[in-house]
Amino acid sequence: GRCWKQEFAYADYMGFVLTLNEGVKGKKLTCEYKVSETIEKLLVLLGTLDRWIDETPPADQPSRFGNKAFRTWYAKLDQVSTEDKAAAAPEIAVYLKESVGNSTRIDYGTGHEAAFAIFLCCLCKIGALTVDDQLAIIFKVFDRYLEVMRKLQKTYRMEPAGSQGVWGLDDFQFLPFIWGSAQFIDHPTLEPRHFVDEKVVNENHKDYMFLECIKFINEMKTGPFAEHSNQLWNISAVPTWSKVNQGLVRMYKAECLEKFPVIQHFKFGSLLSIQAVKP
């Protein structure tokens, strides 16, 4: 298809990511915010996905990675109710199904993560979510989504999709590093150099999405941090969080939406119209 970058869908999506980025600046996960009915419904939905993992233990198989029980779990997604305004039209539900990994390859990557963000963006477009929901979208819904994804990745030993190995930012996620770095902007004491300190991570991860990501990496990987997560190690040397945030936004635009063919197989409904942007 035509270059995605020139289309409304790209502008919509990046606009959504950046609006949320502004909204969470300097705020903790534990801060006060409004929780609407749609947010509650989305949390129930994610809770169901979580429960299904408990009900679908990994299969006994010779290969360590890509546990086939993931396919059994994935097949249950067809039961997700689309009558709900939360799941909205079938064309929005499609993104939800795209957002949990690939059942053939049993992998997960930033393209799946982008599908979940597009799912939320669509809910904003149809008015199911509003400007008042901004903080809850990230701190409640997206954070819960990440919890479920980590459980999937761990339980079924999912492969990273389109991973650049040690040179990628992370095997699976990108957005929580962007929004998570925004949370730290103007923090009185914690600087980028602190996130490689396990004590800091363990004491503060409940307030900061970025540190939740680091905690998961520390649990999943062995060996020196500088070796298994070289990009993040480099980022820890950046002097300020706002510089980290700007750099990650630039990186995200370049890597996820230019280099990777992640978005091309998405089925855009009438919501994110694919028309070339007028010059």
Protein backbone atom coordinates (compact mmCIF):
# COMPACT_ATOMS: atom_id res chain seq x y z
CA GLY A 1 0.00 0.00 0.00
CA ARG A 2 0.92 3.67 -0.07
CA CYS A 3 3.28 5.07 2.49
CA TRP A 4 1.44 5.07 5.78
CA LYS A 5 3.16 8.22 6.96
CA GLN A 6 1.24 10.49 4.58
CA GLU A 7 -2.15 9.31 5.69
CA PHE A 8 -4.65 10.56 8.22
CA ALA A 9 -4.39 7.34 10.14
CA TYR A 10 -0.75 8.05 10.94
CA ALA A 11 -1.51 11.61 12.01
CA ASP A 12 -4.41 10.39 14.15
CA TYR A 13 -2.35 7.72 15.79
CA MET A 14 0.70 9.86 16.54
CA GLY A 15 -1.57 12.66 17.71
CA PHE A 16 -3.20 10.27 20.15
CA VAL A 17 0.16 9.00 21.47
CA LEU A 18 1.46 12.56 21.91
CA THR A 19 -1.71 13.91 23.54
CA LEU A 20 -1.50 11.16 26.14
CA ASN A 21 2.23 11.84 26.50
CA GLU A 22 1.44 15.46 27.45
CA GLY A 23 -1.32 14.35 29.83
CA VAL A 24 0.87 12.09 31.99
CA LYS A 25 3.82 14.48 32.38
CA GLY A 26 4.93 14.57 35.99
CA LYS A 27 2.11 12.29 37.22
CA LYS A 28 2.32 9.05 39.18
CA LEU A 29 0.38 5.88 38.40
CA THR A 30 -1.13 6.19 41.88
CA CYS A 31 -2.47 9.74 41.42
CA GLU A 32 -6.21 10.60 41.50
CA TYR A 33 -8.24 10.59 38.29
CA LYS A 34 -11.75 9.96 37.01
CA VAL A 35 -12.75 6.39 36.11
CA SER A 36 -15.68 6.30 33.67
CA GLU A 37 -18.02 3.43 32.85
CA THR A 38 -16.19 2.64 29.58
CA ILE A 39 -12.90 2.43 31.49
CA GLU A 40 -14.53 0.02 33.97
CA LYS A 41 -15.82 -2.13 31.09
CA LEU A 42 -12.37 -2.26 29.51
CA LEU A 43 -10.88 -3.35 32.84
CA VAL A 44 -13.46 -6.14 33.13
CA LEU A 45 -12.54 -7.22 29.60
CA LEU A 46 -8.81 -7.29 30.42
CA GLY A 47 -9.60 -9.15 33.64
CA THR A 48 -11.35 -11.82 31.57
CA LEU A 49 -8.30 -12.19 29.30
CA ASP A 50 -6.17 -12.55 32.43
CA ARG A 51 -8.46 -15.20 33.94
CA TRP A 52 -8.33 -17.20 30.70
CA ILE A 53 -4.54 -17.44 31.05
CA ASP A 54 -5.03 -19.04 34.48
CA GLU A 55 -7.52 -21.45 32.93
CA THR A 56 -5.14 -22.36 30.08
CA PRO A 57 -1.90 -23.75 31.53
CA PRO A 58 1.11 -24.13 29.24
CA ALA A 59 1.23 -27.40 27.31
CA ASP A 60 3.87 -30.04 27.87
CA GLN A 61 6.09 -29.77 24.79
CA PRO A 62 9.75 -30.25 23.85
CA SER A 63 10.49 -26.69 22.67
CA ARG A 64 10.93 -24.11 25.40
CA PHE A 65 9.58 -21.18 23.40
CA GLY A 66 6.24 -20.58 21.73
CA ASN A 67 4.01 -22.72 23.92
CA LYS A 68 1.10 -24.06 21.86
CA ALA A 69 -1.41 -23.49 24.67
CA PHE A 70 -1.29 -19.85 23.56
CA ARG A 71 -3.44 -20.87 20.57
CA THR A 72 -6.07 -22.34 22.89
CA TRP A 73 -6.07 -19.09 24.87
CA TYR A 74 -6.22 -17.02 21.67
CA ALA A 75 -9.23 -18.98 20.34
CA LYS A 76 -11.25 -17.81 23.35
CA LEU A 77 -11.02 -14.22 22.13
CA ASP A 78 -13.94 -14.91 19.81
CA GLN A 79 -16.14 -14.94 22.91
CA VAL A 80 -15.35 -11.28 23.64
CA SER A 81 -18.65 -9.47 23.51
CA THR A 82 -18.95 -6.85 20.79
CA GLU A 83 -22.45 -5.79 21.90
CA ASP A 84 -20.67 -3.67 24.45
CA LYS A 85 -20.06 -0.08 23.50
CA ALA A 86 -16.60 -0.63 25.00
CA ALA A 87 -15.70 -3.11 22.28
CA ALA A 88 -17.83 -1.05 19.90
CA ALA A 89 -18.19 -2.00 16.26
CA PRO A 90 -16.59 -5.18 14.88
CA GLU A 91 -14.04 -3.00 13.10
CA ILE A 92 -12.80 -1.80 16.48
CA ALA A 93 -12.86 -5.29 18.00
CA VAL A 94 -10.46 -6.33 15.23
CA TYR A 95 -7.73 -4.20 16.82
CA LEU A 96 -8.30 -5.84 20.16
CA LYS A 97 -7.68 -9.25 18.60
CA GLU A 98 -4.60 -7.90 16.81
CA SER A 99 -3.22 -6.57 20.07
CA VAL A 100 -2.41 -9.76 21.95
CA GLY A 101 0.12 -11.42 19.67
CA ASN A 102 0.13 -13.73 16.67
CA SER A 103 -1.36 -17.19 17.19
CA THR A 104 0.45 -18.80 14.26
CA ARG A 105 3.93 -17.65 15.23
CA ILE A 106 3.19 -17.36 18.96
CA ASP A 107 4.99 -14.04 19.06
CA TYR A 108 4.33 -10.52 20.28
CA GLY A 109 5.87 -7.18 19.42
CA THR A 110 5.42 -3.43 19.09
CA GLY A 111 2.95 -3.88 16.22
CA HIS A 112 0.58 -5.71 18.57
CA GLU A 113 1.09 -3.01 21.17
CA ALA A 114 0.25 -0.37 18.52
CA ALA A 115 -2.97 -2.27 17.73
CA PHE A 116 -4.09 -1.85 21.33
CA ALA A 117 -3.32 1.87 21.24
CA ILE A 118 -5.29 2.13 17.97
CA PHE A 119 -8.16 0.27 19.65
CA LEU A 120 -8.18 2.96 22.38
CA CYS A 121 -7.79 5.74 19.82
CA CYS A 122 -10.89 4.44 17.99
CA LEU A 123 -12.88 4.41 21.23
CA CYS A 124 -11.96 8.08 21.61
CA LYS A 125 -12.99 8.77 18.02
CA ILE A 126 -16.48 7.34 18.51
CA GLY A 127 -16.86 9.18 21.81
CA ALA A 128 -16.88 6.08 24.05
CA LEU A 129 -13.82 7.59 25.74
CA THR A 130 -13.37 11.33 26.25
CA VAL A 131 -10.68 13.85 27.16
CA ASP A 132 -11.56 13.31 30.83
CA ASP A 133 -10.46 9.69 30.48
CA GLN A 134 -6.87 10.54 29.48
CA LEU A 135 -5.14 9.51 32.68
CA ALA A 136 -7.29 6.43 33.18
CA ILE A 137 -6.55 5.34 29.58
CA ILE A 138 -2.86 5.02 30.43
CA PHE A 139 -2.76 4.47 34.18
CA LYS A 140 -5.67 2.04 34.39
CA VAL A 141 -6.36 0.48 31.00
CA PHE A 142 -2.98 0.49 29.27
CA ASP A 143 -1.19 -0.46 32.48
CA ARG A 144 -3.56 -3.41 32.99
CA TYR A 145 -3.09 -4.39 29.34
CA LEU A 146 0.68 -4.49 29.92
CA GLU A 147 0.19 -6.69 32.98
CA VAL A 148 -1.80 -9.17 30.91
CA MET A 149 0.73 -9.05 28.05
CA ARG A 150 3.61 -9.74 30.44
CA LYS A 151 1.71 -12.70 31.82
CA LEU A 152 1.13 -14.01 28.27
CA GLN A 153 4.78 -13.48 27.33
CA LYS A 154 5.96 -15.29 30.44
CA THR A 155 3.37 -18.11 30.57
CA TYR A 156 3.60 -19.10 26.91
CA ARG A 157 7.22 -18.07 26.39
CA MET A 158 6.24 -15.94 23.41
CA GLU A 159 8.88 -14.99 20.87
CA PRO A 160 9.61 -11.30 20.24
CA ALA A 161 8.06 -10.27 16.90
CA GLY A 162 10.34 -8.29 14.61
CA SER A 163 12.84 -7.91 17.41
CA GLN A 164 16.17 -6.29 16.70
CA GLY A 165 17.67 -8.34 19.46
CA VAL A 166 20.02 -6.49 21.73
CA TRP A 167 19.75 -3.33 19.60
CA GLY A 168 16.02 -2.93 20.06
CA LEU A 169 14.75 -0.91 23.00
CA ASP A 170 12.87 -3.91 24.42
CA ASP A 171 11.76 -7.31 23.12
CA PHE A 172 8.08 -6.54 23.39
CA GLN A 173 7.03 -2.98 24.27
CA PHE A 174 7.72 0.62 23.34
CA LEU A 175 4.85 2.92 24.38
CA PRO A 176 5.27 2.48 28.15
CA PHE A 177 8.83 3.77 27.81
CA ILE A 178 7.55 6.91 26.08
CA TRP A 179 4.68 7.58 28.50
CA GLY A 180 6.74 6.29 31.42
CA SER A 181 9.57 8.74 30.72
CA ALA A 182 6.99 11.57 30.53
CA GLN A 183 5.84 10.67 34.05
CA PHE A 184 9.36 11.42 35.32
CA ILE A 185 9.69 14.88 33.75
CA ASP A 186 10.71 17.39 36.44
CA HIS A 187 11.02 14.69 39.10
CA PRO A 188 12.85 16.26 42.07
CA THR A 189 15.26 13.35 42.67
CA LEU A 190 15.02 10.48 40.19
CA GLU A 191 17.12 10.95 37.05
CA PRO A 192 17.56 8.65 34.04
CA ARG A 193 20.75 7.20 35.56
CA HIS A 194 18.70 5.83 38.46
CA PHE A 195 16.58 3.35 36.52
CA VAL A 196 19.45 0.88 36.19
CA ASP A 197 19.61 0.70 40.00
CA GLU A 198 17.52 -2.27 41.14
CA LYS A 199 16.84 -0.74 44.55
CA VAL A 200 15.29 2.36 42.92
CA VAL A 201 13.22 0.12 40.62
CA ASN A 202 11.90 -2.02 43.48
CA GLU A 203 10.99 0.99 45.61
CA ASN A 204 9.27 3.04 42.89
CA HIS A 205 7.83 0.73 40.22
CA LYS A 206 4.26 1.00 41.54
CA ASP A 207 4.29 4.72 40.68
CA TYR A 208 6.13 4.66 37.38
CA MET A 209 5.38 2.69 34.23
CA PHE A 210 8.97 2.99 33.00
CA LEU A 211 10.22 1.19 36.11
CA GLU A 212 7.58 -1.53 35.75
CA CYS A 213 9.12 -2.24 32.33
CA ILE A 214 12.64 -2.34 33.78
CA LYS A 215 11.50 -4.63 36.60
CA PHE A 216 10.06 -7.09 34.06
CA ILE A 217 13.27 -7.00 32.00
CA ASN A 218 15.29 -7.70 35.16
CA GLU A 219 13.06 -10.70 35.92
CA MET A 220 13.22 -12.12 32.40
CA LYS A 221 16.87 -11.55 31.49
CA THR A 222 20.12 -12.68 33.01
CA GLY A 223 23.59 -11.14 32.87
CA PRO A 224 24.71 -7.50 32.94
CA PHE A 225 22.01 -4.95 32.05
CA ALA A 226 24.39 -3.16 29.66
CA GLU A 227 24.66 -6.36 27.63
CA HIS A 228 21.06 -7.58 27.42
CA SER A 229 19.49 -4.10 27.13
CA ASN A 230 22.10 -1.99 25.43
CA GLN A 231 19.76 0.73 24.11
CA LEU A 232 18.21 1.28 27.53
CA TRP A 233 21.66 1.32 29.12
CA ASN A 234 22.60 4.11 26.69
CA ILE A 235 19.39 5.99 27.55
CA SER A 236 20.29 5.89 31.25
CA ALA A 237 23.21 8.19 30.38
CA VAL A 238 20.92 10.93 29.00
CA PRO A 239 20.92 13.84 31.50
CA THR A 240 17.20 14.69 31.69
CA TRP A 241 13.87 12.87 31.39
CA SER A 242 12.50 15.40 28.91
CA LYS A 243 15.46 14.63 26.61
CA VAL A 244 14.79 10.91 27.07
CA ASN A 245 11.12 11.47 26.25
CA GLN A 246 11.84 13.51 23.11
CA GLY A 247 14.40 10.96 21.95
CA LEU A 248 12.01 8.04 22.43
CA VAL A 249 9.23 9.81 20.52
CA ARG A 250 11.65 10.36 17.62
CA MET A 251 12.77 6.74 17.80
CA TYR A 252 9.19 5.47 17.87
CA LYS A 253 8.21 7.45 14.81
CA ALA A 254 11.22 6.12 12.95
CA GLU A 255 11.44 2.52 14.08
CA CYS A 256 7.91 1.35 14.59
CA LEU A 257 6.20 3.20 11.81
CA GLU A 258 8.85 3.37 9.11
CA LYS A 259 11.09 0.35 9.43
CA PHE A 260 8.58 -2.24 10.56
CA PRO A 261 5.77 -3.40 8.31
CA VAL A 262 3.64 -3.55 11.45
CA ILE A 263 0.65 -1.49 10.49
CA GLN A 264 0.09 -2.61 6.92
CA HIS A 265 -2.07 -5.62 7.78
CA PHE A 266 -4.44 -3.64 10.00
CA LYS A 267 -7.97 -3.43 8.75
CA PHE A 268 -8.89 0.22 8.92
CA GLY A 269 -12.57 0.77 9.22
CA SER A 270 -14.31 4.03 8.53
CA LEU A 271 -12.77 5.39 11.73
CA LEU A 272 -9.20 5.92 10.67
CA SER A 273 -9.81 6.89 7.09
CA ILE A 274 -7.05 6.09 4.66
CA GLN A 275 -7.05 9.14 2.44
CA ALA A 276 -3.89 10.90 1.47
CA VAL A 277 -3.45 14.02 3.56
CA LYS A 278 -3.91 17.14 1.42
CA PRO A 279 -0.51 18.84 0.99
